[in-house]
Amino acid sequence: MPKREILDPQGKAVLGALPRLGFEGVSDVRQGKRFEVELDGDPTDDRLAEVRRMAETLLANPVIEDFTVHAEESAEPVEAMPVAGEGRS
């Protein structure tokens, strides 16, 4: 997410469009990016610290972006369903 002191023209454009689309009561919008990193094993404190180092080193630009790292429960795997026409010869 861009730091508060960094201009966010995309966020301002969305903020301006929301009332025109009938959405009220929004005072600010910040446009950012999101990475989802899946880890092997449990998300221990050490593993989350490693992901924070990944963010500081590669995923985020800490000069202009703030970031957070947190663990979420993963969804149950879903079996892939073939798309119509796939698997036929």
C-alpha atoms as a PDB file:
ATOM      1  CA  MET A   1       0.000   0.000   0.000  1.00  0.00           C
ATOM      2  CA  PRO A   2       1.413   3.441  -0.795  1.00  0.00           C
ATOM      3  CA  LYS A   3       2.480   5.400   2.263  1.00  0.00           C
ATOM      4  CA  ARG A   4       0.103   8.209   3.250  1.00  0.00           C
ATOM      5  CA  GLU A   5       2.535  10.897   2.100  1.00  0.00           C
ATOM      6  CA  ILE A   6       2.760   9.369  -1.405  1.00  0.00           C
ATOM      7  CA  LEU A   7       0.206  10.605  -3.956  1.00  0.00           C
ATOM      8  CA  ASP A   8      -2.244   7.915  -5.040  1.00  0.00           C
ATOM      9  CA  PRO A   9      -3.993   8.994  -8.262  1.00  0.00           C
ATOM     10  CA  GLN A  10      -5.672   5.594  -8.749  1.00  0.00           C
ATOM     11  CA  GLY A  11      -7.138   5.736  -5.270  1.00  0.00           C
ATOM     12  CA  LYS A  12      -8.380   9.297  -5.845  1.00  0.00           C
ATOM     13  CA  ALA A  13      -9.994   8.263  -9.147  1.00  0.00           C
ATOM     14  CA  VAL A  14     -11.831   5.393  -7.433  1.00  0.00           C
ATOM     15  CA  LEU A  15     -12.869   7.708  -4.576  1.00  0.00           C
ATOM     16  CA  GLY A  16     -14.341  10.149  -7.106  1.00  0.00           C
ATOM     17  CA  ALA A  17     -16.180   7.418  -9.021  1.00  0.00           C
ATOM     18  CA  LEU A  18     -17.855   5.756  -6.032  1.00  0.00           C
ATOM     19  CA  PRO A  19     -20.479   8.498  -5.389  1.00  0.00           C
ATOM     20  CA  ARG A  20     -21.279   8.657  -9.116  1.00  0.00           C
ATOM     21  CA  LEU A  21     -22.031   4.932  -8.922  1.00  0.00           C
ATOM     22  CA  GLY A  22     -24.292   5.367  -5.903  1.00  0.00           C
ATOM     23  CA  PHE A  23     -21.844   4.403  -3.139  1.00  0.00           C
ATOM     24  CA  GLU A  24     -21.784   6.867  -0.218  1.00  0.00           C
ATOM     25  CA  GLY A  25     -19.868   7.160   3.036  1.00  0.00           C
ATOM     26  CA  VAL A  26     -16.361   6.404   1.751  1.00  0.00           C
ATOM     27  CA  SER A  27     -13.825   8.987   2.937  1.00  0.00           C
ATOM     28  CA  ASP A  28     -10.630   7.620   1.316  1.00  0.00           C
ATOM     29  CA  VAL A  29      -9.392   4.896  -1.042  1.00  0.00           C
ATOM     30  CA  ARG A  30      -5.792   3.741  -1.414  1.00  0.00           C
ATOM     31  CA  GLN A  31      -4.859   1.525  -4.372  1.00  0.00           C
ATOM     32  CA  GLY A  32      -2.205  -1.062  -3.572  1.00  0.00           C
ATOM     33  CA  LYS A  33      -0.958  -4.499  -4.479  1.00  0.00           C
ATOM     34  CA  ARG A  34      -1.214  -7.819  -2.715  1.00  0.00           C
ATOM     35  CA  PHE A  35       0.962 -10.901  -2.751  1.00  0.00           C
ATOM     36  CA  GLU A  36      -0.198 -14.261  -1.450  1.00  0.00           C
ATOM     37  CA  VAL A  37       2.739 -16.469  -0.468  1.00  0.00           C
ATOM     38  CA  GLU A  38       2.016 -20.108   0.320  1.00  0.00           C
ATOM     39  CA  LEU A  39       4.497 -21.727   2.691  1.00  0.00           C
ATOM     40  CA  ASP A  40       5.377 -25.367   3.134  1.00  0.00           C
ATOM     41  CA  GLY A  41       4.494 -26.390   6.678  1.00  0.00           C
ATOM     42  CA  ASP A  42       3.094 -24.288   9.490  1.00  0.00           C
ATOM     43  CA  PRO A  43       3.428 -20.473   9.519  1.00  0.00           C
ATOM     44  CA  THR A  44       5.741 -20.194  12.536  1.00  0.00           C
ATOM     45  CA  ASP A  45       7.064 -16.866  13.806  1.00  0.00           C
ATOM     46  CA  ASP A  46      10.399 -17.617  12.113  1.00  0.00           C
ATOM     47  CA  ARG A  47       8.708 -18.352   8.770  1.00  0.00           C
ATOM     48  CA  LEU A  48       6.636 -15.142   8.976  1.00  0.00           C
ATOM     49  CA  ALA A  49       9.812 -13.181   9.758  1.00  0.00           C
ATOM     50  CA  GLU A  50      11.329 -14.729   6.633  1.00  0.00           C
ATOM     51  CA  VAL A  51       8.335 -13.564   4.571  1.00  0.00           C
ATOM     52  CA  ARG A  52       8.775 -10.049   6.023  1.00  0.00           C
ATOM     53  CA  ARG A  53      12.391 -10.142   4.809  1.00  0.00           C
ATOM     54  CA  MET A  54      11.091 -11.241   1.376  1.00  0.00           C
ATOM     55  CA  ALA A  55       8.784  -8.228   1.335  1.00  0.00           C
ATOM     56  CA  GLU A  56      11.535  -5.821   2.403  1.00  0.00           C
ATOM     57  CA  THR A  57      13.972  -7.254  -0.148  1.00  0.00           C
ATOM     58  CA  LEU A  58      11.854  -7.977  -3.207  1.00  0.00           C
ATOM     59  CA  LEU A  59       8.070  -7.703  -2.943  1.00  0.00           C
ATOM     60  CA  ALA A  60       7.670  -4.125  -1.669  1.00  0.00           C
ATOM     61  CA  ASN A  61       9.471  -0.828  -2.075  1.00  0.00           C
ATOM     62  CA  PRO A  62       9.744   0.197   1.589  1.00  0.00           C
ATOM     63  CA  VAL A  63      10.649   3.776   0.624  1.00  0.00           C
ATOM     64  CA  ILE A  64       7.139   4.440  -0.718  1.00  0.00           C
ATOM     65  CA  GLU A  65       5.054   1.428   0.405  1.00  0.00           C
ATOM     66  CA  ASP A  66       3.884   0.071   3.738  1.00  0.00           C
ATOM     67  CA  PHE A  67       3.211  -3.640   4.012  1.00  0.00           C
ATOM     68  CA  THR A  68       1.848  -6.184   6.456  1.00  0.00           C
ATOM     69  CA  VAL A  69       2.482  -9.900   6.730  1.00  0.00           C
ATOM     70  CA  HIS A  70      -0.036 -12.249   8.283  1.00  0.00           C
ATOM     71  CA  ALA A  71      -1.036 -15.891   8.088  1.00  0.00           C
ATOM     72  CA  GLU A  72      -4.460 -17.108   7.014  1.00  0.00           C
ATOM     73  CA  GLU A  73      -5.928 -20.564   7.020  1.00  0.00           C
ATOM     74  CA  SER A  74      -5.774 -22.016   3.538  1.00  0.00           C
ATOM     75  CA  ALA A  75      -8.973 -23.048   1.805  1.00  0.00           C
ATOM     76  CA  GLU A  76      -9.644 -26.699   1.239  1.00  0.00           C
ATOM     77  CA  PRO A  77      -8.253 -27.839  -2.115  1.00  0.00           C
ATOM     78  CA  VAL A  78     -10.778 -28.010  -4.918  1.00  0.00           C
ATOM     79  CA  GLU A  79     -10.550 -30.745  -7.513  1.00  0.00           C
ATOM     80  CA  ALA A  80      -9.967 -29.405 -11.010  1.00  0.00           C
ATOM     81  CA  MET A  81     -12.923 -29.844 -13.297  1.00  0.00           C
ATOM     82  CA  PRO A  82     -12.135 -30.306 -16.992  1.00  0.00           C
ATOM     83  CA  VAL A  83     -13.133 -27.455 -19.269  1.00  0.00           C
ATOM     84  CA  ALA A  84     -15.570 -28.433 -22.037  1.00  0.00           C
ATOM     85  CA  GLY A  85     -13.594 -29.849 -24.937  1.00  0.00           C
ATOM     86  CA  GLU A  86     -10.434 -30.617 -22.899  1.00  0.00           C
ATOM     87  CA  GLY A  87      -9.148 -34.150 -22.804  1.00  0.00           C
ATOM     88  CA  ARG A  88     -10.811 -35.152 -26.019  1.00  0.00           C
ATOM     89  CA  SER A  89      -8.873 -36.285 -29.049  1.00  0.00           C
END
